[in-house]
Amino acid sequence: MQTPALPIPESRPLVPPSLRGVLPVLLAVPALALFHWALSGSEFASYLLSVMGVNIILAVSLNIVNGMTGQFSIGHAGFMAVGAYIAGYASLQLKEVALSFLPVAASDQVLFTVALLLGGLAAAACGFLVGLPSLRLRGDYLAIVTLGFGEIIRVVVQNTDAFGRALGLSGIPQYASPSMVFFWVFLVVLAARRLAASSHGRSLWSIREDEVAAEAMGVDTTGYKVRAFVFSSFFAGIAGGLFAHFVPIINPGSFTFVRSMEIVVMVVLGGLGSTTGAIIAAIFLTLLPEGMRSLFGALGTEGSLAQRVDQIRMPIYGLLLVVLMLSRPQGLFGTREIWDVLPKWLSRKRGGQA
């Protein structure tokens, strides 16, 4: 499937000063600590925000491939599964290990971070192995390859004893707090924006608009596409690792083709190429089932509430896409970001401050 030709964002300077260095991270850490404190004692809100954060990571990372580079991958759940199973398995093996020079809580978080990175790196390695030969393909052929990869991963974990076969992995330490999830949300958004504003990002935009012209201008199209694929796969693996550490159990049913299509819907709904659009769509589609449950509860259908939501959720997603393609085919934001749609007086003020 070919990505529709859309205008690339207006030319801006390279990475803005506000996104350079470690300052954004230093500002994010105390904000997330306050966020963690505010959520203490609310298990449902913590779970819902964790799911939302994982969906944002998946949508923003897939947007780098589908939106910025113009490729069409529909196997993102496969990379998420790789990260989830590798990180979950590593945490189970490290469950009884403690770093003697650290307090127990800090030791657990260090080992959890190691497990997460192992999951992300394993997913990135799979992204490289799949992307290197398949990214010479285009359009529908790449979509079929990524779909096949997702199904292969699901079948492999379903028939591997170490991963619990169809029953999945259980007993994984629940180390992933909402603040940890949103710290990774912050990192993937920061990385995506820095990439989009860099010279590498310009090369990805050029590949999206006209791959033949980009190659004629000296852009290593295959190299850039593979790097974008690896970058996206790494964060999908991180999302899977986080997911494995706040749900009671992971099994192959959590990473099916339907899951991949949910992530694609988030990217298309928000606008191919817009980080803001991917975030907004991920939040909206995470909250939509909860809104439907509340609606059914108000209508007095509590007995089969969960089943009804699961049954009508995907048709509603399909209807949303049909309406969107008819009314606004470029998605909610197109290739623009939130600051591109702010009132002009606010944009001028922001520019003056910069």
Protein backbone atom coordinates (compact mmCIF):
# COMPACT_ATOMS: atom_id res chain seq x y z
CA MET A 1 0.00 0.00 0.00
CA GLN A 2 1.44 3.34 -1.01
CA THR A 3 1.39 6.24 1.44
CA PRO A 4 -0.61 9.14 -0.02
CA ALA A 5 1.51 12.06 -1.11
CA LEU A 6 1.30 14.74 1.55
CA PRO A 7 3.25 17.95 1.98
CA ILE A 8 6.27 17.65 4.24
CA PRO A 9 6.50 20.07 7.17
CA GLU A 10 7.82 23.52 6.50
CA SER A 11 11.55 23.89 6.64
CA ARG A 12 12.69 24.51 10.18
CA PRO A 13 16.12 24.80 11.76
CA LEU A 14 17.73 21.57 12.88
CA VAL A 15 17.22 20.26 16.39
CA PRO A 16 15.82 23.16 18.47
CA PRO A 17 17.88 24.27 21.49
CA SER A 18 15.08 23.18 23.84
CA LEU A 19 15.51 19.57 22.73
CA ARG A 20 19.30 19.43 22.89
CA GLY A 21 21.48 18.01 25.65
CA VAL A 22 20.23 16.47 28.90
CA LEU A 23 18.10 19.43 30.04
CA PRO A 24 14.79 17.86 28.89
CA VAL A 25 15.61 14.71 30.89
CA LEU A 26 16.53 16.72 33.99
CA LEU A 27 13.19 18.52 33.81
CA ALA A 28 11.23 15.32 33.18
CA VAL A 29 12.55 13.35 36.17
CA PRO A 30 11.06 15.55 38.95
CA ALA A 31 7.83 15.95 36.96
CA LEU A 32 7.47 12.17 36.73
CA ALA A 33 8.25 11.78 40.43
CA LEU A 34 5.37 14.17 41.19
CA PHE A 35 3.19 12.20 38.75
CA HIS A 36 4.05 8.96 40.56
CA TRP A 37 3.17 10.47 43.92
CA ALA A 38 -0.18 11.79 42.64
CA LEU A 39 -1.20 8.32 41.39
CA SER A 40 -0.29 6.40 44.54
CA GLY A 41 -3.33 4.57 45.88
CA SER A 42 -5.27 4.47 42.60
CA GLU A 43 -4.70 1.06 41.02
CA PHE A 44 -7.19 1.44 38.17
CA ALA A 45 -5.86 4.86 37.14
CA SER A 46 -2.30 3.49 37.31
CA TYR A 47 -3.20 0.53 35.10
CA LEU A 48 -5.11 2.64 32.57
CA LEU A 49 -2.31 5.22 32.34
CA SER A 50 0.25 2.45 31.92
CA VAL A 51 -1.73 0.97 29.02
CA MET A 52 -2.05 4.45 27.52
CA GLY A 53 1.69 5.02 27.84
CA VAL A 54 2.51 1.72 26.14
CA ASN A 55 0.13 2.57 23.29
CA ILE A 56 1.78 5.98 22.87
CA ILE A 57 5.23 4.37 22.66
CA LEU A 58 3.97 1.90 20.05
CA ALA A 59 2.20 4.56 17.98
CA VAL A 60 5.06 7.06 18.03
CA SER A 61 7.63 4.39 17.16
CA LEU A 62 5.54 2.99 14.29
CA ASN A 63 4.99 6.53 13.03
CA ILE A 64 8.72 6.71 12.30
CA VAL A 65 8.38 3.88 9.77
CA ASN A 66 4.86 4.35 8.45
CA GLY A 67 4.69 8.13 8.73
CA MET A 68 8.15 9.61 8.32
CA THR A 69 9.69 7.01 6.02
CA GLY A 70 6.53 6.18 4.07
CA GLN A 71 6.84 2.40 4.46
CA PHE A 72 3.90 0.26 5.50
CA SER A 73 4.60 -2.13 8.37
CA ILE A 74 1.75 -4.11 9.93
CA GLY A 75 3.81 -6.42 12.16
CA HIS A 76 4.54 -4.07 15.06
CA ALA A 77 2.94 -6.44 17.57
CA GLY A 78 5.62 -9.00 16.65
CA PHE A 79 8.41 -6.68 17.80
CA MET A 80 6.39 -5.86 20.91
CA ALA A 81 6.10 -9.61 21.60
CA VAL A 82 9.86 -10.08 21.27
CA GLY A 83 10.49 -7.33 23.82
CA ALA A 84 7.79 -8.59 26.18
CA TYR A 85 8.97 -12.20 26.22
CA ILE A 86 12.69 -11.46 26.40
CA ALA A 87 12.29 -8.83 29.13
CA GLY A 88 9.81 -11.01 31.04
CA TYR A 89 12.04 -14.07 30.82
CA ALA A 90 15.09 -12.03 31.92
CA SER A 91 13.19 -10.63 34.91
CA LEU A 92 12.11 -14.13 35.94
CA GLN A 93 15.74 -15.30 35.82
CA LEU A 94 16.90 -12.24 37.82
CA LYS A 95 14.03 -12.42 40.30
CA GLU A 96 16.16 -13.72 43.16
CA VAL A 97 19.19 -11.58 42.36
CA ALA A 98 19.95 -8.40 44.32
CA LEU A 99 22.76 -5.90 43.95
CA SER A 100 24.39 -5.80 47.39
CA PHE A 101 25.62 -2.21 47.08
CA LEU A 102 22.08 -0.85 46.46
CA PRO A 103 18.83 -0.83 48.47
CA VAL A 104 16.41 -3.58 47.43
CA ALA A 105 14.00 -1.21 45.61
CA ALA A 106 16.84 0.45 43.68
CA SER A 107 18.37 -2.94 42.85
CA ASP A 108 15.04 -4.16 41.48
CA GLN A 109 14.71 -1.10 39.26
CA VAL A 110 18.26 -1.46 37.93
CA LEU A 111 17.66 -5.12 37.05
CA PHE A 112 14.29 -4.18 35.55
CA THR A 113 16.00 -1.59 33.35
CA VAL A 114 18.52 -4.21 32.24
CA ALA A 115 15.69 -6.58 31.33
CA LEU A 116 13.90 -3.80 29.43
CA LEU A 117 17.02 -2.96 27.44
CA LEU A 118 17.54 -6.64 26.64
CA GLY A 119 13.98 -6.79 25.30
CA GLY A 120 14.46 -3.60 23.28
CA LEU A 121 17.78 -4.76 21.84
CA ALA A 122 16.34 -8.18 20.93
CA ALA A 123 13.46 -6.47 19.12
CA ALA A 124 15.92 -4.13 17.38
CA ALA A 125 17.99 -7.12 16.25
CA CYS A 126 14.84 -8.73 14.84
CA GLY A 127 14.04 -5.43 13.14
CA PHE A 128 17.47 -5.46 11.52
CA LEU A 129 17.20 -9.08 10.40
CA VAL A 130 13.73 -8.55 8.96
CA GLY A 131 14.35 -5.07 7.63
CA LEU A 132 17.65 -5.60 5.84
CA PRO A 133 16.29 -7.89 3.11
CA SER A 134 12.64 -6.83 3.17
CA LEU A 135 13.09 -3.06 3.01
CA ARG A 136 14.31 -3.43 -0.54
CA LEU A 137 10.63 -4.20 -1.14
CA ARG A 138 7.96 -1.56 -1.38
CA GLY A 139 4.30 -1.06 -0.63
CA ASP A 140 2.18 -4.18 -0.31
CA TYR A 141 5.18 -6.55 -0.37
CA LEU A 142 6.71 -4.98 2.75
CA ALA A 143 3.34 -5.11 4.50
CA ILE A 144 3.06 -8.84 3.75
CA VAL A 145 6.59 -9.53 5.03
CA THR A 146 6.01 -7.69 8.32
CA LEU A 147 2.66 -9.42 8.73
CA GLY A 148 4.39 -12.76 8.24
CA PHE A 149 7.05 -11.83 10.80
CA GLY A 150 4.41 -11.02 13.41
CA GLU A 151 2.71 -14.36 12.88
CA ILE A 152 6.02 -16.27 12.97
CA ILE A 153 6.90 -14.70 16.34
CA ARG A 154 3.46 -15.56 17.73
CA VAL A 155 3.74 -19.19 16.61
CA VAL A 156 7.32 -19.50 17.92
CA VAL A 157 6.44 -18.31 21.44
CA GLN A 158 3.33 -20.47 21.37
CA ASN A 159 5.48 -23.57 20.87
CA THR A 160 8.45 -22.73 23.11
CA ASP A 161 8.61 -24.28 26.57
CA ALA A 162 10.76 -21.49 28.00
CA PHE A 163 8.02 -18.98 27.12
CA GLY A 164 5.20 -21.07 28.59
CA ARG A 165 3.72 -22.12 25.24
CA ALA A 166 0.05 -21.10 24.86
CA LEU A 167 -0.30 -20.41 28.59
CA GLY A 168 2.32 -17.67 28.41
CA LEU A 169 4.59 -16.30 31.12
CA SER A 170 3.27 -15.63 34.60
CA GLY A 171 4.88 -14.49 37.82
CA ILE A 172 6.82 -11.69 36.16
CA PRO A 173 7.76 -9.07 38.80
CA GLN A 174 5.42 -6.07 38.56
CA TYR A 175 8.09 -3.39 38.45
CA ALA A 176 6.59 -1.07 35.80
CA SER A 177 4.99 1.94 37.50
CA PRO A 178 3.14 4.62 35.50
CA SER A 179 6.03 7.03 36.08
CA MET A 180 8.48 4.51 34.56
CA VAL A 181 6.17 3.98 31.57
CA PHE A 182 5.85 7.71 30.99
CA PHE A 183 9.58 8.19 31.33
CA TRP A 184 9.93 5.94 28.28
CA VAL A 185 7.07 7.84 26.62
CA PHE A 186 9.10 10.98 27.17
CA LEU A 187 12.21 9.34 25.72
CA VAL A 188 10.50 8.03 22.56
CA VAL A 189 8.79 11.38 21.89
CA LEU A 190 12.04 13.26 22.46
CA ALA A 191 13.93 10.86 20.19
CA ALA A 192 11.25 11.06 17.48
CA ARG A 193 11.23 14.85 17.50
CA ARG A 194 15.01 15.08 17.47
CA LEU A 195 15.11 12.59 14.61
CA ALA A 196 12.46 14.50 12.64
CA ALA A 197 14.40 17.75 13.04
CA SER A 198 17.78 16.27 12.12
CA SER A 199 19.46 15.75 8.77
CA HIS A 200 18.62 12.04 9.09
CA GLY A 201 14.99 12.98 9.46
CA ARG A 202 15.16 15.08 6.30
CA SER A 203 16.48 12.04 4.46
CA LEU A 204 13.55 9.99 5.77
CA TRP A 205 11.08 12.67 4.63
CA SER A 206 12.68 12.68 1.19
CA ILE A 207 12.35 8.88 0.93
CA ARG A 208 8.71 9.16 1.84
CA GLU A 209 7.97 11.79 -0.80
CA ASP A 210 9.89 10.24 -3.71
CA GLU A 211 12.27 7.35 -3.10
CA VAL A 212 13.67 7.37 -6.65
CA ALA A 213 14.43 11.09 -6.51
CA ALA A 214 15.98 10.72 -3.05
CA GLU A 215 18.26 7.94 -4.29
CA ALA A 216 19.20 10.03 -7.33
CA MET A 217 20.22 12.82 -4.94
CA GLY A 218 22.62 10.47 -3.15
CA VAL A 219 20.48 9.38 -0.21
CA ASP A 220 21.24 5.82 0.91
CA THR A 221 17.56 4.86 0.88
CA THR A 222 17.97 1.25 2.01
CA GLY A 223 20.33 2.25 4.82
CA TYR A 224 18.02 4.95 6.14
CA LYS A 225 14.98 2.69 5.93
CA VAL A 226 16.75 -0.09 7.83
CA ARG A 227 17.90 2.33 10.53
CA ALA A 228 14.35 3.70 10.88
CA PHE A 229 13.05 0.13 11.13
CA VAL A 230 15.60 -0.79 13.83
CA PHE A 231 14.88 2.43 15.74
CA SER A 232 11.14 1.73 15.63
CA SER A 233 11.58 -1.93 16.59
CA PHE A 234 13.71 -1.04 19.62
CA PHE A 235 10.98 1.13 21.13
CA ALA A 236 8.33 -1.46 20.27
CA GLY A 237 10.40 -3.96 22.27
CA ILE A 238 10.63 -1.50 25.16
CA ALA A 239 6.85 -1.09 25.06
CA GLY A 240 6.47 -4.86 25.17
CA GLY A 241 8.86 -5.12 28.12
CA LEU A 242 6.93 -2.48 30.04
CA PHE A 243 3.66 -4.22 29.20
CA ALA A 244 5.00 -7.52 30.56
CA HIS A 245 5.82 -5.86 33.89
CA PHE A 246 2.41 -4.46 34.77
CA VAL A 247 0.00 -7.17 33.55
CA PRO A 248 -0.45 -10.43 35.50
CA ILE A 249 0.38 -12.64 32.51
CA ILE A 250 1.49 -12.37 28.89
CA ASN A 251 0.51 -14.92 26.28
CA PRO A 252 0.54 -15.14 22.46
CA GLY A 253 -3.04 -13.85 22.34
CA SER A 254 -1.77 -10.43 23.44
CA PHE A 255 0.28 -9.95 20.26
CA THR A 256 -1.96 -10.96 17.38
CA PHE A 257 -2.55 -9.33 14.01
CA VAL A 258 -5.45 -7.43 15.58
CA ARG A 259 -3.00 -5.78 17.99
CA SER A 260 -0.81 -4.71 15.07
CA MET A 261 -3.81 -3.22 13.29
CA GLU A 262 -4.78 -1.28 16.41
CA ILE A 263 -1.38 0.42 16.33
CA VAL A 264 -1.71 1.13 12.60
CA VAL A 265 -5.13 2.69 13.25
CA MET A 266 -3.57 4.99 15.86
CA VAL A 267 -0.95 6.21 13.39
CA VAL A 268 -3.38 6.67 10.49
CA LEU A 269 -6.00 8.33 12.68
CA GLY A 270 -3.51 10.83 14.09
CA GLY A 271 -1.89 11.59 10.74
CA LEU A 272 1.01 9.87 9.03
CA GLY A 273 4.12 11.77 10.03
CA SER A 274 2.74 13.65 13.05
CA THR A 275 4.08 12.72 16.48
CA THR A 276 1.35 14.78 18.11
CA GLY A 277 -1.31 12.99 16.06
CA ALA A 278 0.03 9.58 17.09
CA ILE A 279 -0.09 10.59 20.77
CA ILE A 280 -3.61 12.01 20.57
CA ALA A 281 -4.92 8.99 18.67
CA ALA A 282 -3.28 6.56 21.12
CA ILE A 283 -4.89 8.36 24.06
CA PHE A 284 -8.28 8.49 22.35
CA LEU A 285 -8.33 4.83 21.34
CA THR A 286 -7.16 3.76 24.81
CA LEU A 287 -9.95 5.68 26.51
CA LEU A 288 -12.63 4.74 23.96
CA PRO A 289 -13.32 1.23 25.40
CA GLU A 290 -13.51 2.66 28.91
CA GLY A 291 -15.96 5.27 27.67
CA MET A 292 -18.06 2.54 26.08
CA ARG A 293 -18.02 0.54 29.33
CA SER A 294 -19.22 3.61 31.21
CA LEU A 295 -21.96 4.12 28.61
CA PHE A 296 -23.10 0.51 28.85
CA GLY A 297 -23.04 0.78 32.62
CA ALA A 298 -25.31 3.81 32.45
CA LEU A 299 -27.66 1.84 30.17
CA GLY A 300 -27.80 -1.05 32.67
CA THR A 301 -25.98 -3.75 30.67
CA GLU A 302 -23.34 -4.58 33.28
CA GLY A 303 -23.81 -8.39 32.91
CA SER A 304 -22.07 -8.70 29.52
CA LEU A 305 -20.27 -5.37 29.56
CA ALA A 306 -16.72 -6.54 28.81
CA GLN A 307 -17.89 -8.92 26.10
CA ARG A 308 -19.96 -6.25 24.38
CA VAL A 309 -17.05 -3.81 24.34
CA ASP A 310 -14.70 -6.39 22.85
CA GLN A 311 -17.25 -7.27 20.21
CA ILE A 312 -17.98 -3.76 18.97
CA ARG A 313 -14.56 -2.16 19.49
CA MET A 314 -12.99 -3.22 16.20
CA PRO A 315 -16.04 -2.37 14.04
CA ILE A 316 -15.98 1.10 15.60
CA TYR A 317 -12.29 1.43 14.73
CA GLY A 318 -13.12 0.44 11.15
CA LEU A 319 -15.96 2.94 11.01
CA LEU A 320 -13.68 5.67 12.32
CA LEU A 321 -11.17 4.93 9.58
CA VAL A 322 -13.83 4.96 6.86
CA VAL A 323 -15.19 8.30 8.05
CA LEU A 324 -11.67 9.69 8.36
CA MET A 325 -10.61 8.59 4.89
CA LEU A 326 -13.72 10.17 3.40
CA SER A 327 -13.54 13.43 5.31
CA ARG A 328 -9.86 13.95 6.14
CA PRO A 329 -7.58 11.41 4.41
CA GLN A 330 -4.41 12.99 5.81
CA GLY A 331 -5.48 12.17 9.39
CA LEU A 332 -6.31 14.51 12.26
CA PHE A 333 -3.00 16.39 12.19
CA GLY A 334 -1.58 15.44 8.79
CA THR A 335 2.14 16.07 9.09
CA ARG A 336 1.71 18.99 11.48
CA GLU A 337 2.46 19.12 15.19
CA ILE A 338 0.54 20.75 18.03
CA TRP A 339 2.51 24.01 17.79
CA ASP A 340 1.62 24.28 14.10
CA VAL A 341 -2.09 24.50 14.93
CA LEU A 342 -1.81 26.81 17.94
CA PRO A 343 -3.21 30.33 17.56
CA LYS A 344 -0.85 32.59 15.64
CA TRP A 345 -0.38 35.00 18.54
CA LEU A 346 0.80 32.12 20.74
CA SER A 347 3.14 30.85 17.99
CA ARG A 348 4.68 34.32 17.65
CA LYS A 349 5.14 34.52 21.42
CA ARG A 350 6.81 31.12 21.46
CA GLY A 351 9.06 32.10 18.59
CA GLY A 352 10.01 35.34 20.33
CA GLN A 353 10.95 33.46 23.47
CA ALA A 354 13.08 31.07 21.46
